[in-house]
Amino acid sequence: MGFGKTTSIGKIANKLRKEGKKVVIAAADTFRAAAVEQLEIWAERSGAKLVKREEGADPASVIYDAIKITKETGADVLICDTAGRLHNKQYLMDELGKIEKVIEKEMKDCSKEVLLVIDGTTGQNAISQVKAFKETTNITGLVLTKLDGTAKGGVVIGIVAENKIPVKFIGVGEKIDDMEVFNKKEFVNAII
């Protein structure tokens, strides 16, 4: 079972589309089997345009193509799906750095968010994930997933306190509309 990264991308794209934004999604998680196909389903559900290549393609080239299409179509938002689950695989972390360079070069005047998706059921492993990603990229926010049912996501309190990275969104269910903007008071009350 995954962390909810691809699902979160689809849900965020849906939220943005409902706000009237034109969204492009770059399927740059080209190393994980079936990642592109899974993202294709979520892009279709959300009404976003998907930019993809075959499995194993260079992720940075997918991002480059998506930036070009974003500019050509006048899209408001580009969401880039990258290989993020294997923070202990150096070659994937190197690809993330390469992707960031392409984005900085091609979209230097755009506002950017780097969101790290954390499974709300994950314990202390989430802390090492954040540390590894912070060494490669400038994380600007967290997406906390799987907060439906009994999962509380308490580990995020330590992550936010230690790293000064805000939680931006929370996934609260399986449906496409089950993505909410994070509300810290509601979150703390739910934990208590």
C-alpha atoms as a PDB file:
ATOM      1  CA  MET A   1       0.000   0.000   0.000  1.00  0.00           C
ATOM      2  CA  GLY A   2       1.315   3.452  -0.902  1.00  0.00           C
ATOM      3  CA  PHE A   3       1.648   6.717   0.929  1.00  0.00           C
ATOM      4  CA  GLY A   4      -1.164   8.423  -0.989  1.00  0.00           C
ATOM      5  CA  LYS A   5       1.056  10.665  -3.132  1.00  0.00           C
ATOM      6  CA  THR A   6      -0.611   9.986  -6.485  1.00  0.00           C
ATOM      7  CA  THR A   7      -4.083  10.089  -4.973  1.00  0.00           C
ATOM      8  CA  SER A   8      -3.256  13.400  -3.280  1.00  0.00           C
ATOM      9  CA  ILE A   9      -2.140  14.856  -6.609  1.00  0.00           C
ATOM     10  CA  GLY A  10      -5.463  13.900  -8.166  1.00  0.00           C
ATOM     11  CA  LYS A  11      -7.422  15.345  -5.247  1.00  0.00           C
ATOM     12  CA  ILE A  12      -5.462  18.616  -5.251  1.00  0.00           C
ATOM     13  CA  ALA A  13      -5.872  18.896  -9.040  1.00  0.00           C
ATOM     14  CA  ASN A  14      -9.615  18.377  -8.575  1.00  0.00           C
ATOM     15  CA  LYS A  15      -9.754  21.073  -5.888  1.00  0.00           C
ATOM     16  CA  LEU A  16      -7.907  23.531  -8.140  1.00  0.00           C
ATOM     17  CA  ARG A  17     -10.121  22.717 -11.141  1.00  0.00           C
ATOM     18  CA  LYS A  18     -13.219  23.373  -9.005  1.00  0.00           C
ATOM     19  CA  GLU A  19     -11.715  26.795  -8.241  1.00  0.00           C
ATOM     20  CA  GLY A  20     -11.641  27.440 -11.999  1.00  0.00           C
ATOM     21  CA  LYS A  21      -7.948  26.790 -12.570  1.00  0.00           C
ATOM     22  CA  LYS A  22      -6.538  25.036 -15.629  1.00  0.00           C
ATOM     23  CA  VAL A  23      -4.260  22.245 -14.357  1.00  0.00           C
ATOM     24  CA  VAL A  24      -1.493  20.212 -15.999  1.00  0.00           C
ATOM     25  CA  ILE A  25      -0.025  17.167 -14.257  1.00  0.00           C
ATOM     26  CA  ALA A  26       3.456  15.857 -15.091  1.00  0.00           C
ATOM     27  CA  ALA A  27       3.800  12.094 -14.603  1.00  0.00           C
ATOM     28  CA  ALA A  28       7.500  12.102 -13.700  1.00  0.00           C
ATOM     29  CA  ASP A  29       7.412   9.131 -11.306  1.00  0.00           C
ATOM     30  CA  THR A  30       8.678   7.015 -14.173  1.00  0.00           C
ATOM     31  CA  PHE A  31      10.562   4.454 -12.052  1.00  0.00           C
ATOM     32  CA  ARG A  32       7.592   2.964 -10.170  1.00  0.00           C
ATOM     33  CA  ALA A  33       5.639   0.344 -12.064  1.00  0.00           C
ATOM     34  CA  ALA A  34       2.105   1.513 -12.902  1.00  0.00           C
ATOM     35  CA  ALA A  35       2.659   5.015 -11.454  1.00  0.00           C
ATOM     36  CA  VAL A  36       1.881   6.709 -14.762  1.00  0.00           C
ATOM     37  CA  GLU A  37      -1.252   4.611 -15.296  1.00  0.00           C
ATOM     38  CA  GLN A  38      -2.494   5.380 -11.783  1.00  0.00           C
ATOM     39  CA  LEU A  39      -1.883   9.099 -12.272  1.00  0.00           C
ATOM     40  CA  GLU A  40      -3.639   8.955 -15.652  1.00  0.00           C
ATOM     41  CA  ILE A  41      -6.811   7.766 -13.902  1.00  0.00           C
ATOM     42  CA  TRP A  42      -6.632  10.583 -11.340  1.00  0.00           C
ATOM     43  CA  ALA A  43      -5.935  13.207 -14.019  1.00  0.00           C
ATOM     44  CA  GLU A  44      -8.996  12.050 -15.935  1.00  0.00           C
ATOM     45  CA  ARG A  45     -11.161  12.113 -12.785  1.00  0.00           C
ATOM     46  CA  SER A  46     -10.022  15.626 -11.932  1.00  0.00           C
ATOM     47  CA  GLY A  47     -10.213  17.017 -15.462  1.00  0.00           C
ATOM     48  CA  ALA A  48      -6.509  17.874 -15.568  1.00  0.00           C
ATOM     49  CA  LYS A  49      -4.250  17.430 -18.606  1.00  0.00           C
ATOM     50  CA  LEU A  50      -1.616  14.732 -18.146  1.00  0.00           C
ATOM     51  CA  VAL A  51       1.885  14.854 -19.625  1.00  0.00           C
ATOM     52  CA  LYS A  52       3.551  11.447 -19.626  1.00  0.00           C
ATOM     53  CA  ARG A  53       6.176   9.218 -21.179  1.00  0.00           C
ATOM     54  CA  GLU A  54       6.914   5.522 -20.996  1.00  0.00           C
ATOM     55  CA  GLU A  55       8.022   3.799 -17.790  1.00  0.00           C
ATOM     56  CA  GLY A  56      11.735   4.353 -17.151  1.00  0.00           C
ATOM     57  CA  ALA A  57      11.900   7.647 -19.093  1.00  0.00           C
ATOM     58  CA  ASP A  58      14.019  10.498 -17.780  1.00  0.00           C
ATOM     59  CA  PRO A  59      11.829  12.251 -15.160  1.00  0.00           C
ATOM     60  CA  ALA A  60      13.383  15.677 -15.784  1.00  0.00           C
ATOM     61  CA  SER A  61      12.484  15.440 -19.481  1.00  0.00           C
ATOM     62  CA  VAL A  62       8.852  14.749 -18.544  1.00  0.00           C
ATOM     63  CA  ILE A  63       8.898  17.885 -16.382  1.00  0.00           C
ATOM     64  CA  TYR A  64      10.453  19.883 -19.235  1.00  0.00           C
ATOM     65  CA  ASP A  65       7.702  18.721 -21.611  1.00  0.00           C
ATOM     66  CA  ALA A  66       5.024  19.535 -19.031  1.00  0.00           C
ATOM     67  CA  ILE A  67       6.404  23.040 -18.507  1.00  0.00           C
ATOM     68  CA  LYS A  68       6.312  23.611 -22.250  1.00  0.00           C
ATOM     69  CA  ILE A  69       2.679  22.425 -22.456  1.00  0.00           C
ATOM     70  CA  THR A  70       1.741  24.486 -19.392  1.00  0.00           C
ATOM     71  CA  LYS A  71       3.069  27.604 -21.086  1.00  0.00           C
ATOM     72  CA  GLU A  72       1.577  26.770 -24.500  1.00  0.00           C
ATOM     73  CA  THR A  73      -1.897  26.090 -23.126  1.00  0.00           C
ATOM     74  CA  GLY A  74      -1.901  28.958 -20.635  1.00  0.00           C
ATOM     75  CA  ALA A  75      -2.525  26.597 -17.719  1.00  0.00           C
ATOM     76  CA  ASP A  76      -2.634  28.143 -14.250  1.00  0.00           C
ATOM     77  CA  VAL A  77      -1.014  25.301 -12.326  1.00  0.00           C
ATOM     78  CA  LEU A  78       1.517  22.563 -13.052  1.00  0.00           C
ATOM     79  CA  ILE A  79       1.620  19.680 -10.580  1.00  0.00           C
ATOM     80  CA  CYS A  80       4.686  17.449 -10.861  1.00  0.00           C
ATOM     81  CA  ASP A  81       4.546  13.875  -9.591  1.00  0.00           C
ATOM     82  CA  THR A  82       8.038  12.655  -8.775  1.00  0.00           C
ATOM     83  CA  ALA A  83       9.513   9.457  -7.363  1.00  0.00           C
ATOM     84  CA  GLY A  84       9.227  10.170  -3.697  1.00  0.00           C
ATOM     85  CA  ARG A  85       8.587   6.978  -1.825  1.00  0.00           C
ATOM     86  CA  LEU A  86      12.150   5.687  -1.814  1.00  0.00           C
ATOM     87  CA  HIS A  87      13.964   8.429   0.054  1.00  0.00           C
ATOM     88  CA  ASN A  88      16.755   5.947   0.820  1.00  0.00           C
ATOM     89  CA  LYS A  89      17.565   5.442  -2.883  1.00  0.00           C
ATOM     90  CA  GLN A  90      20.210   7.991  -3.825  1.00  0.00           C
ATOM     91  CA  TYR A  91      19.578   7.821  -7.583  1.00  0.00           C
ATOM     92  CA  LEU A  92      15.943   8.848  -7.016  1.00  0.00           C
ATOM     93  CA  MET A  93      16.992  11.714  -4.785  1.00  0.00           C
ATOM     94  CA  ASP A  94      19.487  12.791  -7.471  1.00  0.00           C
ATOM     95  CA  GLU A  95      16.630  12.819 -10.009  1.00  0.00           C
ATOM     96  CA  LEU A  96      14.632  15.048  -7.673  1.00  0.00           C
ATOM     97  CA  GLY A  97      17.514  17.543  -7.606  1.00  0.00           C
ATOM     98  CA  LYS A  98      17.739  17.426 -11.408  1.00  0.00           C
ATOM     99  CA  ILE A  99      13.981  18.077 -11.693  1.00  0.00           C
ATOM    100  CA  GLU A 100      14.250  21.041  -9.366  1.00  0.00           C
ATOM    101  CA  LYS A 101      16.977  22.553 -11.573  1.00  0.00           C
ATOM    102  CA  VAL A 102      14.783  22.203 -14.691  1.00  0.00           C
ATOM    103  CA  ILE A 103      11.874  23.893 -12.917  1.00  0.00           C
ATOM    104  CA  GLU A 104      14.060  26.719 -11.622  1.00  0.00           C
ATOM    105  CA  LYS A 105      15.528  27.337 -15.067  1.00  0.00           C
ATOM    106  CA  GLU A 106      12.273  27.132 -17.047  1.00  0.00           C
ATOM    107  CA  MET A 107       9.867  28.708 -14.538  1.00  0.00           C
ATOM    108  CA  LYS A 108      12.058  31.052 -12.521  1.00  0.00           C
ATOM    109  CA  ASP A 109       9.391  33.764 -12.164  1.00  0.00           C
ATOM    110  CA  CYS A 110       6.566  31.456 -11.043  1.00  0.00           C
ATOM    111  CA  SER A 111       5.563  30.787  -7.464  1.00  0.00           C
ATOM    112  CA  LYS A 112       6.413  27.233  -6.472  1.00  0.00           C
ATOM    113  CA  GLU A 113       5.413  24.783  -3.779  1.00  0.00           C
ATOM    114  CA  VAL A 114       7.326  21.625  -2.919  1.00  0.00           C
ATOM    115  CA  LEU A 115       4.901  19.411  -1.043  1.00  0.00           C
ATOM    116  CA  LEU A 116       5.947  16.223   0.696  1.00  0.00           C
ATOM    117  CA  VAL A 117       3.184  13.655   1.162  1.00  0.00           C
ATOM    118  CA  ILE A 118       3.259  11.837   4.495  1.00  0.00           C
ATOM    119  CA  ASP A 119       1.063   8.872   5.363  1.00  0.00           C
ATOM    120  CA  GLY A 120      -0.835   9.735   8.568  1.00  0.00           C
ATOM    121  CA  THR A 121      -0.415   6.154   9.779  1.00  0.00           C
ATOM    122  CA  THR A 122       3.380   6.321   9.490  1.00  0.00           C
ATOM    123  CA  GLY A 123       5.281   6.669  12.712  1.00  0.00           C
ATOM    124  CA  GLN A 124       8.890   7.688  13.233  1.00  0.00           C
ATOM    125  CA  ASN A 125       9.859   6.741   9.654  1.00  0.00           C
ATOM    126  CA  ALA A 126       8.190   9.976   8.533  1.00  0.00           C
ATOM    127  CA  ILE A 127      10.841  11.968  10.404  1.00  0.00           C
ATOM    128  CA  SER A 128      13.663  10.331   8.422  1.00  0.00           C
ATOM    129  CA  GLN A 129      11.719  10.895   5.188  1.00  0.00           C
ATOM    130  CA  VAL A 130      11.474  14.624   5.855  1.00  0.00           C
ATOM    131  CA  LYS A 131      15.160  14.801   6.759  1.00  0.00           C
ATOM    132  CA  ALA A 132      16.206  13.028   3.537  1.00  0.00           C
ATOM    133  CA  PHE A 133      14.026  15.202   1.323  1.00  0.00           C
ATOM    134  CA  LYS A 134      15.151  18.409   3.042  1.00  0.00           C
ATOM    135  CA  GLU A 135      18.728  17.540   2.081  1.00  0.00           C
ATOM    136  CA  THR A 136      17.721  17.471  -1.605  1.00  0.00           C
ATOM    137  CA  THR A 137      14.980  20.064  -1.984  1.00  0.00           C
ATOM    138  CA  ASN A 138      13.348  22.998  -0.244  1.00  0.00           C
ATOM    139  CA  ILE A 139      10.105  21.531   1.107  1.00  0.00           C
ATOM    140  CA  THR A 140       7.507  24.297   1.496  1.00  0.00           C
ATOM    141  CA  GLY A 141       4.664  22.220   2.887  1.00  0.00           C
ATOM    142  CA  LEU A 142       3.305  18.842   3.893  1.00  0.00           C
ATOM    143  CA  VAL A 143       0.286  16.870   2.767  1.00  0.00           C
ATOM    144  CA  LEU A 144      -0.900  14.498   5.471  1.00  0.00           C
ATOM    145  CA  THR A 145      -2.854  11.529   4.077  1.00  0.00           C
ATOM    146  CA  LYS A 146      -5.056   8.752   5.428  1.00  0.00           C
ATOM    147  CA  LEU A 147      -6.665  10.750   8.221  1.00  0.00           C
ATOM    148  CA  ASP A 148      -9.911   8.875   7.787  1.00  0.00           C
ATOM    149  CA  GLY A 149     -10.899   6.427  10.505  1.00  0.00           C
ATOM    150  CA  THR A 150      -8.558   6.009  13.462  1.00  0.00           C
ATOM    151  CA  ALA A 151      -5.358   7.434  11.958  1.00  0.00           C
ATOM    152  CA  LYS A 152      -4.421  10.571  13.837  1.00  0.00           C
ATOM    153  CA  GLY A 153      -1.144  11.662  12.231  1.00  0.00           C
ATOM    154  CA  GLY A 154       0.392  12.788  15.513  1.00  0.00           C
ATOM    155  CA  VAL A 155       3.937  12.320  14.193  1.00  0.00           C
ATOM    156  CA  VAL A 156       3.435  15.466  12.113  1.00  0.00           C
ATOM    157  CA  ILE A 157       3.556  17.640  15.255  1.00  0.00           C
ATOM    158  CA  GLY A 158       7.210  16.782  15.822  1.00  0.00           C
ATOM    159  CA  ILE A 159       8.009  17.166  12.129  1.00  0.00           C
ATOM    160  CA  VAL A 160       6.455  20.633  11.962  1.00  0.00           C
ATOM    161  CA  ALA A 161       8.069  21.738  15.228  1.00  0.00           C
ATOM    162  CA  GLU A 162      11.538  20.504  14.268  1.00  0.00           C
ATOM    163  CA  ASN A 163      11.544  21.519  10.596  1.00  0.00           C
ATOM    164  CA  LYS A 164       9.269  24.594  10.529  1.00  0.00           C
ATOM    165  CA  ILE A 165       7.380  23.164   7.539  1.00  0.00           C
ATOM    166  CA  PRO A 166       3.622  23.826   7.564  1.00  0.00           C
ATOM    167  CA  VAL A 167       0.948  21.264   6.786  1.00  0.00           C
ATOM    168  CA  LYS A 168      -0.965  22.523   3.728  1.00  0.00           C
ATOM    169  CA  PHE A 169      -3.515  19.768   3.024  1.00  0.00           C
ATOM    170  CA  ILE A 170      -4.990  16.690   4.674  1.00  0.00           C
ATOM    171  CA  GLY A 171      -6.519  13.691   2.962  1.00  0.00           C
ATOM    172  CA  VAL A 172      -9.565  12.508   4.877  1.00  0.00           C
ATOM    173  CA  GLY A 173     -10.956   9.708   2.701  1.00  0.00           C
ATOM    174  CA  GLU A 174     -10.900   7.794  -0.551  1.00  0.00           C
ATOM    175  CA  LYS A 175     -13.104  10.036  -2.702  1.00  0.00           C
ATOM    176  CA  ILE A 176     -11.830  12.744  -5.049  1.00  0.00           C
ATOM    177  CA  ASP A 177     -13.301  15.503  -2.859  1.00  0.00           C
ATOM    178  CA  ASP A 178     -11.679  14.140   0.325  1.00  0.00           C
ATOM    179  CA  MET A 179      -8.817  16.660   0.383  1.00  0.00           C
ATOM    180  CA  GLU A 180      -9.051  19.600   2.767  1.00  0.00           C
ATOM    181  CA  VAL A 181      -6.965  22.646   3.506  1.00  0.00           C
ATOM    182  CA  PHE A 182      -5.268  21.991   6.847  1.00  0.00           C
ATOM    183  CA  ASN A 183      -6.848  23.587   9.914  1.00  0.00           C
ATOM    184  CA  LYS A 184      -4.488  23.361  12.903  1.00  0.00           C
ATOM    185  CA  LYS A 185      -7.171  23.928  15.570  1.00  0.00           C
ATOM    186  CA  GLU A 186      -9.360  21.135  14.216  1.00  0.00           C
ATOM    187  CA  PHE A 187      -6.321  18.861  13.927  1.00  0.00           C
ATOM    188  CA  VAL A 188      -5.173  19.437  17.511  1.00  0.00           C
ATOM    189  CA  ASN A 189      -8.720  18.967  18.815  1.00  0.00           C
ATOM    190  CA  ALA A 190      -8.979  15.652  16.934  1.00  0.00           C
ATOM    191  CA  ILE A 191      -5.721  14.415  18.496  1.00  0.00           C
ATOM    192  CA  ILE A 192      -6.742  15.494  21.999  1.00  0.00           C
END
